[in-house]
Amino acid sequence: MTEDKKIDVLIAALQERYTSTHTIRERVQSVCLWALGVSLAATGWLIQSDVLFPFIITLLFILLLGVIYYALRHVYFADLERGFSRQLKTTAKIEEALHLYDPTYFHNSESIYPKEWKSAGNPSSEGNFFNSNYRLLKLGLIILAIALLLKTCFGY
């Protein structure tokens, strides 16, 4: 295979990795935003309604919120995060093969991509996308749980 064909293959593979990472990010973000929106809408409804739940029902709702968080965070999102990490690692390898981290390859004084991006997908990398979404999800569910407790215990 000629060098030009190898570069074409690498560019096609790189484009597919970029598409995959964007798809995973979009999926995580949309699920978190939906869950946050539903949690806040339920909180608003709960605060404005005259509905009072027995304490045991409130505890069951809060337990259900914990199960939902666990299922999203440790099952669904954990699988997406593993796939995302693998995509990033592969992307970094392809970018390195294309010399995007080499400051001398394109006759620049610095590389096209920052050297830090070579560690993408590793635990030491600087990205916080998943953790930020986990915090938002947790925040929405905690607000709903607090509203449930306040409504049950104090009637508001």
N, C-alpha and C. Protein backbone atom coordinates (compact mmCIF):
# COMPACT_ATOMS: atom_id res chain seq x y z
N MET A 1 0.85 -1.17 0.00
CA MET A 1 0.00 0.00 0.00
C MET A 1 0.90 1.24 0.00
N THR A 2 0.55 2.20 -0.81
CA THR A 2 1.37 3.41 -0.89
C THR A 2 1.15 4.28 0.34
N GLU A 3 2.06 5.21 0.56
CA GLU A 3 1.95 6.13 1.70
C GLU A 3 0.67 6.95 1.62
N ASP A 4 0.31 7.41 0.42
CA ASP A 4 -0.91 8.19 0.24
C ASP A 4 -2.15 7.38 0.62
N LYS A 5 -2.18 6.11 0.24
CA LYS A 5 -3.31 5.25 0.58
C LYS A 5 -3.37 5.01 2.09
N LYS A 6 -2.22 4.83 2.71
CA LYS A 6 -2.17 4.65 4.17
C LYS A 6 -2.73 5.89 4.86
N ILE A 7 -2.36 7.05 4.38
CA ILE A 7 -2.86 8.30 4.97
C ILE A 7 -4.37 8.41 4.77
N ASP A 8 -4.85 8.02 3.60
CA ASP A 8 -6.30 8.04 3.34
C ASP A 8 -7.04 7.11 4.31
N VAL A 9 -6.47 5.94 4.54
CA VAL A 9 -7.08 4.98 5.48
C VAL A 9 -7.09 5.57 6.89
N LEU A 10 -5.98 6.16 7.30
CA LEU A 10 -5.92 6.77 8.64
C LEU A 10 -6.91 7.91 8.78
N ILE A 11 -7.04 8.74 7.76
CA ILE A 11 -7.99 9.87 7.83
C ILE A 11 -9.42 9.35 7.90
N ALA A 12 -9.74 8.33 7.14
CA ALA A 12 -11.09 7.75 7.19
C ALA A 12 -11.36 7.15 8.58
N ALA A 13 -10.37 6.45 9.12
CA ALA A 13 -10.54 5.87 10.47
C ALA A 13 -10.68 6.97 11.51
N LEU A 14 -9.90 8.03 11.35
CA LEU A 14 -9.97 9.14 12.30
C LEU A 14 -11.35 9.80 12.26
N GLN A 15 -11.87 10.01 11.07
CA GLN A 15 -13.20 10.61 10.94
C GLN A 15 -14.26 9.74 11.62
N GLU A 16 -14.15 8.44 11.47
CA GLU A 16 -15.10 7.53 12.12
C GLU A 16 -14.98 7.61 13.64
N ARG A 17 -13.76 7.71 14.16
CA ARG A 17 -13.57 7.85 15.61
C ARG A 17 -14.17 9.16 16.11
N TYR A 18 -13.97 10.25 15.36
CA TYR A 18 -14.56 11.53 15.75
C TYR A 18 -16.08 11.43 15.78
N THR A 19 -16.66 10.81 14.79
CA THR A 19 -18.12 10.65 14.73
C THR A 19 -18.61 9.83 15.92
N SER A 20 -17.88 8.76 16.22
CA SER A 20 -18.28 7.90 17.35
C SER A 20 -18.23 8.65 18.68
N THR A 21 -17.17 9.42 18.90
CA THR A 21 -17.07 10.15 20.17
C THR A 21 -18.15 11.22 20.27
N HIS A 22 -18.45 11.88 19.17
CA HIS A 22 -19.53 12.88 19.19
C HIS A 22 -20.88 12.22 19.49
N THR A 23 -21.11 11.06 18.93
CA THR A 23 -22.37 10.35 19.16
C THR A 23 -22.51 9.95 20.62
N ILE A 24 -21.44 9.43 21.20
CA ILE A 24 -21.48 9.03 22.62
C ILE A 24 -21.71 10.24 23.50
N ARG A 25 -21.00 11.33 23.25
CA ARG A 25 -21.18 12.56 24.05
C ARG A 25 -22.62 13.06 23.95
N GLU A 26 -23.16 13.06 22.76
CA GLU A 26 -24.52 13.53 22.55
C GLU A 26 -25.52 12.66 23.30
N ARG A 27 -25.31 11.35 23.26
CA ARG A 27 -26.21 10.42 23.95
C ARG A 27 -26.19 10.65 25.47
N VAL A 28 -24.99 10.77 26.03
CA VAL A 28 -24.86 11.00 27.47
C VAL A 28 -25.50 12.32 27.86
N GLN A 29 -25.20 13.35 27.11
CA GLN A 29 -25.72 14.67 27.43
C GLN A 29 -27.24 14.72 27.31
N SER A 30 -27.79 14.12 26.28
CA SER A 30 -29.25 14.17 26.13
C SER A 30 -29.96 13.39 27.23
N VAL A 31 -29.43 12.23 27.59
CA VAL A 31 -30.06 11.45 28.68
C VAL A 31 -29.97 12.22 29.99
N CYS A 32 -28.83 12.82 30.28
CA CYS A 32 -28.68 13.59 31.52
C CYS A 32 -29.62 14.81 31.53
N LEU A 33 -29.71 15.50 30.41
CA LEU A 33 -30.59 16.67 30.36
C LEU A 33 -32.05 16.27 30.50
N TRP A 34 -32.43 15.17 29.87
CA TRP A 34 -33.80 14.68 30.04
C TRP A 34 -34.07 14.30 31.49
N ALA A 35 -33.16 13.57 32.10
CA ALA A 35 -33.35 13.16 33.50
C ALA A 35 -33.40 14.38 34.41
N LEU A 36 -32.55 15.35 34.17
CA LEU A 36 -32.55 16.58 34.97
C LEU A 36 -33.87 17.34 34.76
N GLY A 37 -34.31 17.43 33.52
CA GLY A 37 -35.57 18.12 33.22
C GLY A 37 -36.76 17.44 33.87
N VAL A 38 -36.82 16.12 33.79
CA VAL A 38 -37.92 15.38 34.41
C VAL A 38 -37.87 15.54 35.93
N SER A 39 -36.68 15.48 36.49
CA SER A 39 -36.54 15.64 37.95
C SER A 39 -37.01 17.02 38.41
N LEU A 40 -36.59 18.04 37.69
CA LEU A 40 -36.98 19.40 38.07
C LEU A 40 -38.47 19.64 37.82
N ALA A 41 -39.01 19.08 36.74
CA ALA A 41 -40.45 19.21 36.48
C ALA A 41 -41.25 18.50 37.57
N ALA A 42 -40.80 17.31 37.96
CA ALA A 42 -41.48 16.57 39.04
C ALA A 42 -41.38 17.34 40.36
N THR A 43 -40.24 17.96 40.60
CA THR A 43 -40.06 18.77 41.81
C THR A 43 -41.03 19.95 41.79
N GLY A 44 -41.13 20.63 40.66
CA GLY A 44 -42.06 21.75 40.54
C GLY A 44 -43.49 21.32 40.75
N TRP A 45 -43.88 20.21 40.13
CA TRP A 45 -45.24 19.70 40.30
C TRP A 45 -45.49 19.35 41.76
N LEU A 46 -44.53 18.70 42.37
CA LEU A 46 -44.67 18.26 43.76
C LEU A 46 -44.85 19.46 44.69
N ILE A 47 -44.08 20.51 44.48
CA ILE A 47 -44.15 21.69 45.33
C ILE A 47 -45.50 22.39 45.18
N GLN A 48 -46.02 22.45 43.96
CA GLN A 48 -47.26 23.18 43.71
C GLN A 48 -48.51 22.36 43.97
N SER A 49 -48.38 21.06 44.05
CA SER A 49 -49.57 20.21 44.22
C SER A 49 -49.97 20.10 45.69
N ASP A 50 -51.17 19.62 45.89
CA ASP A 50 -51.67 19.37 47.24
C ASP A 50 -51.47 17.91 47.66
N VAL A 51 -50.78 17.15 46.86
CA VAL A 51 -50.58 15.74 47.12
C VAL A 51 -49.61 15.56 48.29
N LEU A 52 -50.01 14.72 49.22
CA LEU A 52 -49.14 14.34 50.34
C LEU A 52 -48.98 12.82 50.32
N PHE A 53 -47.76 12.38 50.31
CA PHE A 53 -47.49 10.95 50.29
C PHE A 53 -47.22 10.45 51.71
N PRO A 54 -47.64 9.22 52.01
CA PRO A 54 -47.23 8.62 53.29
C PRO A 54 -45.70 8.47 53.30
N PHE A 55 -45.15 8.48 54.49
CA PHE A 55 -43.70 8.45 54.63
C PHE A 55 -43.08 7.23 53.94
N ILE A 56 -43.72 6.08 54.05
CA ILE A 56 -43.17 4.86 53.43
C ILE A 56 -43.14 4.98 51.91
N ILE A 57 -44.14 5.64 51.33
CA ILE A 57 -44.17 5.85 49.88
C ILE A 57 -43.05 6.80 49.48
N THR A 58 -42.84 7.82 50.27
CA THR A 58 -41.74 8.75 50.01
C THR A 58 -40.40 8.03 50.03
N LEU A 59 -40.21 7.17 51.02
CA LEU A 59 -38.97 6.40 51.09
C LEU A 59 -38.81 5.49 49.88
N LEU A 60 -39.91 4.90 49.43
CA LEU A 60 -39.85 4.05 48.24
C LEU A 60 -39.50 4.87 46.99
N PHE A 61 -40.07 6.07 46.88
CA PHE A 61 -39.73 6.96 45.76
C PHE A 61 -38.24 7.31 45.80
N ILE A 62 -37.73 7.63 46.97
CA ILE A 62 -36.32 7.99 47.10
C ILE A 62 -35.44 6.78 46.78
N LEU A 63 -35.86 5.61 47.21
CA LEU A 63 -35.13 4.39 46.86
C LEU A 63 -35.15 4.19 45.35
N LEU A 64 -36.28 4.42 44.73
CA LEU A 64 -36.39 4.31 43.28
C LEU A 64 -35.45 5.30 42.57
N LEU A 65 -35.36 6.52 43.10
CA LEU A 65 -34.44 7.51 42.53
C LEU A 65 -33.00 7.01 42.62
N GLY A 66 -32.66 6.38 43.75
CA GLY A 66 -31.31 5.81 43.90
C GLY A 66 -31.06 4.69 42.91
N VAL A 67 -32.05 3.85 42.70
CA VAL A 67 -31.92 2.75 41.74
C VAL A 67 -31.76 3.31 40.32
N ILE A 68 -32.54 4.34 40.00
CA ILE A 68 -32.43 4.98 38.68
C ILE A 68 -31.03 5.56 38.49
N TYR A 69 -30.54 6.26 39.51
CA TYR A 69 -29.19 6.83 39.41
C TYR A 69 -28.16 5.72 39.22
N TYR A 70 -28.26 4.68 40.03
CA TYR A 70 -27.30 3.58 39.93
C TYR A 70 -27.33 2.95 38.54
N ALA A 71 -28.53 2.69 38.03
CA ALA A 71 -28.65 2.06 36.72
C ALA A 71 -28.08 2.94 35.62
N LEU A 72 -28.38 4.22 35.67
CA LEU A 72 -27.85 5.12 34.65
C LEU A 72 -26.33 5.26 34.78
N ARG A 73 -25.88 5.54 35.98
CA ARG A 73 -24.46 5.85 36.21
C ARG A 73 -23.55 4.63 36.07
N HIS A 74 -23.93 3.53 36.71
CA HIS A 74 -23.02 2.40 36.82
C HIS A 74 -23.27 1.29 35.81
N VAL A 75 -24.35 1.39 35.05
CA VAL A 75 -24.61 0.39 34.02
C VAL A 75 -24.56 1.06 32.65
N TYR A 76 -25.54 1.92 32.37
CA TYR A 76 -25.65 2.52 31.04
C TYR A 76 -24.48 3.45 30.72
N PHE A 77 -24.24 4.44 31.59
CA PHE A 77 -23.17 5.40 31.32
C PHE A 77 -21.79 4.78 31.45
N ALA A 78 -21.63 3.82 32.35
CA ALA A 78 -20.32 3.17 32.50
C ALA A 78 -19.92 2.47 31.21
N ASP A 79 -20.88 1.84 30.56
CA ASP A 79 -20.60 1.20 29.28
C ASP A 79 -20.24 2.23 28.22
N LEU A 80 -20.99 3.32 28.18
CA LEU A 80 -20.68 4.39 27.22
C LEU A 80 -19.32 5.01 27.51
N GLU A 81 -19.01 5.17 28.79
CA GLU A 81 -17.72 5.78 29.16
C GLU A 81 -16.55 4.88 28.74
N ARG A 82 -16.70 3.57 28.91
CA ARG A 82 -15.65 2.65 28.47
C ARG A 82 -15.46 2.75 26.95
N GLY A 83 -16.56 2.76 26.22
CA GLY A 83 -16.48 2.89 24.76
C GLY A 83 -15.87 4.22 24.35
N PHE A 84 -16.25 5.28 25.05
CA PHE A 84 -15.72 6.61 24.77
C PHE A 84 -14.22 6.64 24.98
N SER A 85 -13.78 6.05 26.08
CA SER A 85 -12.35 6.01 26.40
C SER A 85 -11.58 5.25 25.32
N ARG A 86 -12.11 4.12 24.88
CA ARG A 86 -11.44 3.35 23.83
C ARG A 86 -11.39 4.14 22.52
N GLN A 87 -12.47 4.84 22.22
CA GLN A 87 -12.48 5.67 21.01
C GLN A 87 -11.40 6.75 21.09
N LEU A 88 -11.29 7.39 22.26
CA LEU A 88 -10.30 8.45 22.42
C LEU A 88 -8.87 7.92 22.30
N LYS A 89 -8.62 6.77 22.90
CA LYS A 89 -7.28 6.18 22.82
C LYS A 89 -6.92 5.85 21.36
N THR A 90 -7.89 5.29 20.65
CA THR A 90 -7.66 4.96 19.24
C THR A 90 -7.46 6.23 18.42
N THR A 91 -8.25 7.24 18.72
CA THR A 91 -8.12 8.52 18.03
C THR A 91 -6.72 9.09 18.22
N ALA A 92 -6.23 9.07 19.45
CA ALA A 92 -4.90 9.60 19.74
C ALA A 92 -3.81 8.84 18.98
N LYS A 93 -3.98 7.52 18.87
CA LYS A 93 -3.00 6.72 18.12
C LYS A 93 -3.01 7.11 16.64
N ILE A 94 -4.20 7.29 16.08
CA ILE A 94 -4.29 7.67 14.67
C ILE A 94 -3.72 9.07 14.46
N GLU A 95 -4.04 9.98 15.38
CA GLU A 95 -3.51 11.34 15.27
C GLU A 95 -1.98 11.33 15.35
N GLU A 96 -1.46 10.47 16.20
CA GLU A 96 0.00 10.37 16.31
C GLU A 96 0.59 9.79 15.03
N ALA A 97 -0.08 8.80 14.42
CA ALA A 97 0.40 8.23 13.16
C ALA A 97 0.37 9.27 12.04
N LEU A 98 -0.53 10.23 12.16
CA LEU A 98 -0.61 11.32 11.17
C LEU A 98 0.31 12.48 11.52
N HIS A 99 1.11 12.31 12.57
CA HIS A 99 2.11 13.29 12.99
C HIS A 99 1.50 14.61 13.48
N LEU A 100 0.28 14.54 14.00
CA LEU A 100 -0.38 15.77 14.45
C LEU A 100 0.19 16.28 15.78
N TYR A 101 0.99 15.46 16.45
CA TYR A 101 1.64 15.88 17.70
C TYR A 101 3.12 16.23 17.50
N ASP A 102 3.60 16.05 16.30
CA ASP A 102 5.01 16.27 15.99
C ASP A 102 5.23 17.73 15.56
N PRO A 103 5.98 18.50 16.36
CA PRO A 103 6.15 19.92 16.04
C PRO A 103 6.97 20.18 14.78
N THR A 104 7.77 19.22 14.36
CA THR A 104 8.63 19.45 13.20
C THR A 104 8.02 18.94 11.89
N TYR A 105 7.00 18.11 11.98
CA TYR A 105 6.48 17.47 10.77
C TYR A 105 5.87 18.46 9.78
N PHE A 106 5.14 19.43 10.28
CA PHE A 106 4.51 20.42 9.41
C PHE A 106 5.28 21.73 9.38
N HIS A 107 6.50 21.70 9.83
CA HIS A 107 7.40 22.86 9.82
C HIS A 107 6.86 24.02 10.66
N ASN A 108 6.26 23.69 11.76
CA ASN A 108 5.80 24.70 12.71
C ASN A 108 6.71 24.68 13.92
N SER A 109 6.56 25.70 14.74
CA SER A 109 7.37 25.72 15.95
C SER A 109 6.73 24.89 17.06
N GLU A 110 5.46 24.55 16.89
CA GLU A 110 4.79 23.68 17.85
C GLU A 110 3.86 22.74 17.10
N SER A 111 3.43 21.70 17.78
CA SER A 111 2.59 20.70 17.11
C SER A 111 1.20 21.28 16.83
N ILE A 112 0.52 20.68 15.88
CA ILE A 112 -0.83 21.11 15.54
C ILE A 112 -1.77 20.84 16.72
N TYR A 113 -1.64 19.67 17.31
CA TYR A 113 -2.46 19.31 18.47
C TYR A 113 -1.60 19.42 19.74
N PRO A 114 -2.20 19.81 20.84
CA PRO A 114 -1.45 19.85 22.11
C PRO A 114 -1.00 18.45 22.52
N LYS A 115 0.18 18.36 23.07
CA LYS A 115 0.73 17.07 23.51
C LYS A 115 -0.18 16.36 24.52
N GLU A 116 -0.92 17.14 25.32
CA GLU A 116 -1.80 16.56 26.33
C GLU A 116 -2.87 15.66 25.71
N TRP A 117 -3.25 15.94 24.48
CA TRP A 117 -4.31 15.17 23.83
C TRP A 117 -3.87 13.74 23.54
N LYS A 118 -2.57 13.48 23.57
CA LYS A 118 -2.08 12.12 23.35
C LYS A 118 -2.56 11.18 24.46
N SER A 119 -2.84 11.73 25.63
CA SER A 119 -3.28 10.89 26.75
C SER A 119 -4.80 10.80 26.84
N ALA A 120 -5.50 11.25 25.81
CA ALA A 120 -6.97 11.19 25.82
C ALA A 120 -7.44 9.76 26.04
N GLY A 121 -8.45 9.63 26.88
CA GLY A 121 -9.00 8.32 27.18
C GLY A 121 -8.36 7.63 28.37
N ASN A 122 -7.25 8.16 28.85
CA ASN A 122 -6.57 7.60 30.02
C ASN A 122 -7.10 8.27 31.29
N PRO A 123 -7.03 7.59 32.42
CA PRO A 123 -7.51 8.20 33.67
C PRO A 123 -6.83 9.52 34.00
N SER A 124 -5.59 9.70 33.53
CA SER A 124 -4.85 10.92 33.85
C SER A 124 -5.21 12.09 32.94
N SER A 125 -6.05 11.85 31.94
CA SER A 125 -6.38 12.94 31.01
C SER A 125 -7.25 13.97 31.71
N GLU A 126 -7.33 15.15 31.13
CA GLU A 126 -7.94 16.28 31.82
C GLU A 126 -9.44 16.44 31.59
N GLY A 127 -10.07 15.61 30.79
CA GLY A 127 -11.49 15.75 30.49
C GLY A 127 -12.39 15.42 31.68
N ASN A 128 -13.45 16.20 31.85
CA ASN A 128 -14.40 15.98 32.94
C ASN A 128 -15.83 15.84 32.43
N PHE A 129 -16.00 15.52 31.15
CA PHE A 129 -17.33 15.48 30.56
C PHE A 129 -18.26 14.54 31.31
N PHE A 130 -17.84 13.32 31.53
CA PHE A 130 -18.71 12.35 32.19
C PHE A 130 -18.98 12.74 33.64
N ASN A 131 -17.95 13.16 34.37
CA ASN A 131 -18.15 13.54 35.76
C ASN A 131 -19.09 14.74 35.89
N SER A 132 -19.00 15.68 34.99
CA SER A 132 -19.90 16.84 35.02
C SER A 132 -21.34 16.40 34.80
N ASN A 133 -21.55 15.49 33.89
CA ASN A 133 -22.90 15.00 33.64
C ASN A 133 -23.42 14.18 34.81
N TYR A 134 -22.54 13.39 35.44
CA TYR A 134 -22.95 12.62 36.62
C TYR A 134 -23.39 13.57 37.73
N ARG A 135 -22.66 14.66 37.91
CA ARG A 135 -23.02 15.63 38.95
C ARG A 135 -24.37 16.28 38.67
N LEU A 136 -24.62 16.63 37.43
CA LEU A 136 -25.92 17.21 37.07
C LEU A 136 -27.05 16.23 37.32
N LEU A 137 -26.85 15.00 36.93
CA LEU A 137 -27.86 13.96 37.15
C LEU A 137 -28.13 13.79 38.63
N LYS A 138 -27.06 13.70 39.41
CA LYS A 138 -27.18 13.53 40.85
C LYS A 138 -27.88 14.73 41.48
N LEU A 139 -27.54 15.93 41.04
CA LEU A 139 -28.15 17.14 41.57
C LEU A 139 -29.66 17.14 41.36
N GLY A 140 -30.10 16.81 40.15
CA GLY A 140 -31.53 16.77 39.87
C GLY A 140 -32.26 15.77 40.73
N LEU A 141 -31.68 14.60 40.90
CA LEU A 141 -32.32 13.57 41.71
C LEU A 141 -32.31 13.93 43.20
N ILE A 142 -31.25 14.57 43.66
CA ILE A 142 -31.19 15.00 45.06
C ILE A 142 -32.23 16.09 45.33
N ILE A 143 -32.37 17.03 44.42
CA ILE A 143 -33.38 18.09 44.58
C ILE A 143 -34.77 17.47 44.68
N LEU A 144 -35.06 16.50 43.81
CA LEU A 144 -36.36 15.83 43.86
C LEU A 144 -36.52 15.07 45.17
N ALA A 145 -35.49 14.39 45.63
CA ALA A 145 -35.58 13.64 46.89
C ALA A 145 -35.81 14.59 48.07
N ILE A 146 -35.14 15.73 48.08
CA ILE A 146 -35.34 16.71 49.16
C ILE A 146 -36.76 17.26 49.12
N ALA A 147 -37.25 17.54 47.91
CA ALA A 147 -38.62 18.04 47.79
C ALA A 147 -39.61 16.99 48.28
N LEU A 148 -39.38 15.74 47.96
CA LEU A 148 -40.25 14.67 48.46
C LEU A 148 -40.24 14.62 49.99
N LEU A 149 -39.07 14.68 50.57
CA LEU A 149 -38.96 14.64 52.04
C LEU A 149 -39.63 15.84 52.69
N LEU A 150 -39.37 17.03 52.16
CA LEU A 150 -39.97 18.24 52.73
C LEU A 150 -41.49 18.20 52.62
N LYS A 151 -41.98 17.75 51.48
CA LYS A 151 -43.43 17.67 51.28
C LYS A 151 -44.04 16.67 52.24
N THR A 152 -43.39 15.54 52.41
CA THR A 152 -43.92 14.49 53.28
C THR A 152 -43.83 14.88 54.76
N CYS A 153 -42.69 15.42 55.16
CA CYS A 153 -42.46 15.69 56.57
C CYS A 153 -43.10 17.00 57.02
N PHE A 154 -43.11 18.01 56.16
CA PHE A 154 -43.58 19.33 56.59
C PHE A 154 -44.77 19.85 55.80
N GLY A 155 -45.18 19.12 54.78
CA GLY A 155 -46.36 19.51 54.01
C GLY A 155 -46.13 20.62 53.00
N TYR A 156 -44.86 20.94 52.71
CA TYR A 156 -44.59 21.93 51.65
C TYR A 156 -43.43 21.56 50.83
